[in-house]
């Protein structure tokens, strides 16, 4: 981690200009219709990550980092690249490692995802099967996330963590 924000990876790699972001979003904007709809989808999945994080009882900082990773991934990749429902727990899984929360149990994470989807988001899975992903899928998606982020995991949080 850099001592200075101005020399850190967050500033150097992840503050993207509008033209670069829009160039990567062209396919998604055609699919969704407008920038406003795209932002609604991103807000929706931020809420999904929040619900998954609360379910597995991780700190808010882990949830915030997972949300940043989710947005970073989709700032350079299309929603057609990987299912956002799979990327959400993968981001949470990686963020728990990076934020030194301790590694989440894949089994518990997926069980929590299934429970949250069944309780709150079952309308998005009309086939009746519920949350379809396995632990192996989350690990493969985590590898895709690592590859897309080019191992630059530092995210600048505006909230300072207080010591006990």
Protein backbone atom coordinates (compact mmCIF):
# COMPACT_ATOMS: atom_id res chain seq x y z
CA UNK A 1 0.00 0.00 0.00
CA UNK A 2 1.32 3.43 -0.88
CA UNK A 3 1.85 6.01 1.81
CA UNK A 4 0.49 8.70 -0.45
CA UNK A 5 -2.86 8.65 -2.20
CA UNK A 6 -1.23 10.34 -5.20
CA UNK A 7 1.29 7.51 -5.60
CA UNK A 8 -1.15 4.69 -4.90
CA UNK A 9 -2.77 2.35 -7.40
CA UNK A 10 -6.22 3.79 -6.69
CA UNK A 11 -5.19 7.17 -8.10
CA UNK A 12 -2.81 5.91 -10.80
CA UNK A 13 -4.87 3.04 -12.23
CA UNK A 14 -8.50 3.31 -11.19
CA UNK A 15 -9.52 6.94 -11.65
CA UNK A 16 -10.83 6.57 -15.17
CA UNK A 17 -11.85 9.38 -17.47
CA UNK A 18 -15.38 9.47 -18.84
CA UNK A 19 -14.37 8.59 -22.42
CA UNK A 20 -12.52 5.45 -21.32
CA UNK A 21 -15.44 4.30 -19.18
CA UNK A 22 -17.97 4.94 -21.94
CA UNK A 23 -15.83 3.05 -24.46
CA UNK A 24 -16.04 -0.06 -22.27
CA UNK A 25 -19.79 0.38 -21.60
CA UNK A 26 -21.00 0.56 -25.19
CA UNK A 27 -22.27 -3.03 -25.25
CA UNK A 28 -23.97 -2.71 -21.87
CA UNK A 29 -25.61 0.57 -22.83
CA UNK A 30 -27.03 -1.04 -25.97
CA UNK A 31 -28.38 -3.88 -23.84
CA UNK A 32 -29.77 -1.71 -21.02
CA UNK A 33 -30.80 1.32 -23.04
CA UNK A 34 -29.29 4.24 -21.13
CA UNK A 35 -26.64 5.34 -18.66
CA UNK A 36 -29.37 5.76 -16.03
CA UNK A 37 -30.40 2.11 -16.36
CA UNK A 38 -26.75 1.05 -16.12
CA UNK A 39 -26.39 3.02 -12.88
CA UNK A 40 -29.56 1.40 -11.53
CA UNK A 41 -28.09 -2.06 -12.20
CA UNK A 42 -24.86 -1.08 -10.41
CA UNK A 43 -26.84 0.22 -7.42
CA UNK A 44 -28.90 -2.96 -7.37
CA UNK A 45 -25.80 -5.16 -7.24
CA UNK A 46 -24.24 -2.95 -4.56
CA UNK A 47 -27.33 -3.77 -2.50
CA UNK A 48 -26.95 -7.46 -3.35
CA UNK A 49 -23.33 -7.41 -2.15
CA UNK A 50 -24.49 -5.62 1.00
CA UNK A 51 -27.11 -8.32 1.64
CA UNK A 52 -24.59 -11.13 1.01
CA UNK A 53 -22.08 -9.45 3.33
CA UNK A 54 -24.60 -8.99 6.12
CA UNK A 55 -25.62 -12.60 5.77
CA UNK A 56 -22.06 -13.89 6.29
CA UNK A 57 -21.45 -11.24 8.96
CA UNK A 58 -18.39 -9.49 7.56
CA UNK A 59 -17.31 -5.96 8.47
CA UNK A 60 -18.70 -3.03 6.52
CA UNK A 61 -15.21 -2.27 5.20
CA UNK A 62 -15.10 -5.70 3.54
CA UNK A 63 -18.50 -5.03 1.94
CA UNK A 64 -17.36 -1.59 0.74
CA UNK A 65 -14.18 -3.07 -0.76
CA UNK A 66 -16.18 -5.82 -2.47
CA UNK A 67 -18.45 -3.16 -3.99
CA UNK A 68 -15.41 -1.24 -5.27
CA UNK A 69 -14.00 -4.44 -6.82
CA UNK A 70 -17.35 -5.16 -8.46
CA UNK A 71 -17.48 -1.68 -9.98
CA UNK A 72 -13.84 -1.84 -11.05
CA UNK A 73 -14.37 -5.15 -12.81
CA UNK A 74 -17.42 -3.94 -14.71
CA UNK A 75 -15.79 -0.60 -15.53
CA UNK A 76 -13.54 -2.50 -17.93
CA UNK A 77 -15.70 -5.54 -18.70
CA UNK A 78 -19.21 -6.04 -20.00
CA UNK A 79 -22.03 -7.69 -18.10
CA UNK A 80 -21.91 -10.28 -20.89
CA UNK A 81 -18.40 -11.33 -19.75
CA UNK A 82 -19.53 -12.97 -16.51
CA UNK A 83 -22.80 -13.18 -14.62
CA UNK A 84 -23.02 -10.37 -12.07
CA UNK A 85 -24.76 -12.79 -9.67
CA UNK A 86 -21.54 -14.83 -9.67
CA UNK A 87 -19.22 -11.82 -9.53
CA UNK A 88 -20.89 -10.41 -6.39
CA UNK A 89 -19.90 -13.25 -4.00
CA UNK A 90 -16.51 -13.55 -5.73
CA UNK A 91 -15.80 -9.90 -4.96
CA UNK A 92 -16.88 -10.44 -1.36
CA UNK A 93 -14.65 -13.52 -1.11
CA UNK A 94 -11.60 -11.63 -2.43
CA UNK A 95 -12.30 -8.53 -0.33
CA UNK A 96 -12.40 -10.61 2.84
CA UNK A 97 -8.86 -11.77 2.07
CA UNK A 98 -7.53 -8.34 1.11
CA UNK A 99 -9.06 -6.59 4.12
CA UNK A 100 -7.54 -9.27 6.38
CA UNK A 101 -10.92 -10.29 7.71
CA UNK A 102 -9.96 -13.91 7.32
CA UNK A 103 -10.87 -16.24 4.55
CA UNK A 104 -14.58 -16.87 4.29
CA UNK A 105 -15.71 -20.45 4.05
CA UNK A 106 -16.86 -21.01 0.48
CA UNK A 107 -19.54 -23.35 1.73
CA UNK A 108 -20.93 -20.77 4.18
CA UNK A 109 -20.70 -17.97 1.62
CA UNK A 110 -22.68 -19.90 -0.97
CA UNK A 111 -25.21 -21.12 1.59
CA UNK A 112 -25.74 -17.51 2.65
CA UNK A 113 -26.06 -16.41 -0.98
CA UNK A 114 -28.69 -19.09 -1.57
CA UNK A 115 -30.61 -18.01 1.53
CA UNK A 116 -30.48 -14.31 0.62
CA UNK A 117 -31.52 -14.99 -2.98
CA UNK A 118 -34.36 -17.22 -1.82
CA UNK A 119 -35.57 -14.65 0.72
CA UNK A 120 -35.16 -11.42 -1.26
CA UNK A 121 -34.28 -11.98 -4.90
CA UNK A 122 -36.12 -15.14 -5.96
CA UNK A 123 -38.01 -13.19 -8.64
CA UNK A 124 -34.75 -12.93 -10.58
CA UNK A 125 -34.46 -16.72 -10.77
CA UNK A 126 -37.84 -17.72 -12.25
CA UNK A 127 -36.87 -21.32 -13.02
CA UNK A 128 -37.36 -22.19 -9.36
CA UNK A 129 -33.84 -23.55 -8.88
CA UNK A 130 -32.59 -20.56 -6.89
CA UNK A 131 -28.95 -19.52 -6.77
CA UNK A 132 -27.21 -21.85 -9.26
CA UNK A 133 -23.48 -21.41 -8.53
CA UNK A 134 -21.04 -23.72 -6.75
CA UNK A 135 -17.80 -23.08 -4.84
CA UNK A 136 -15.73 -23.95 -7.91
CA UNK A 137 -17.56 -21.27 -9.90
CA UNK A 138 -16.75 -18.64 -7.26
CA UNK A 139 -13.06 -19.61 -7.30
CA UNK A 140 -12.89 -19.43 -11.10
CA UNK A 141 -14.63 -16.06 -11.04
CA UNK A 142 -12.21 -14.85 -8.35
CA UNK A 143 -9.35 -15.74 -10.69
CA UNK A 144 -11.00 -13.72 -13.47
CA UNK A 145 -11.35 -10.81 -11.05
CA UNK A 146 -7.68 -11.04 -10.06
CA UNK A 147 -6.70 -11.11 -13.71
CA UNK A 148 -8.88 -8.12 -14.61
CA UNK A 149 -7.67 -6.04 -11.69
CA UNK A 150 -4.02 -6.69 -12.57
CA UNK A 151 -3.28 -7.31 -8.87
CA UNK A 152 -4.00 -3.68 -7.92
CA UNK A 153 -6.26 -4.14 -4.91
CA UNK A 154 -5.77 -0.96 -2.90
CA UNK A 155 -8.97 1.03 -2.57
CA UNK A 156 -9.11 4.35 -0.82
CA UNK A 157 -11.85 4.42 1.80
CA UNK A 158 -13.07 7.80 3.05
CA UNK A 159 -13.81 6.27 6.46
CA UNK A 160 -10.92 5.77 8.86
CA UNK A 161 -10.90 2.53 10.79
CA UNK A 162 -10.75 3.10 14.53
CA UNK A 163 -8.53 0.90 16.64
CA UNK A 164 -9.99 -1.05 19.53
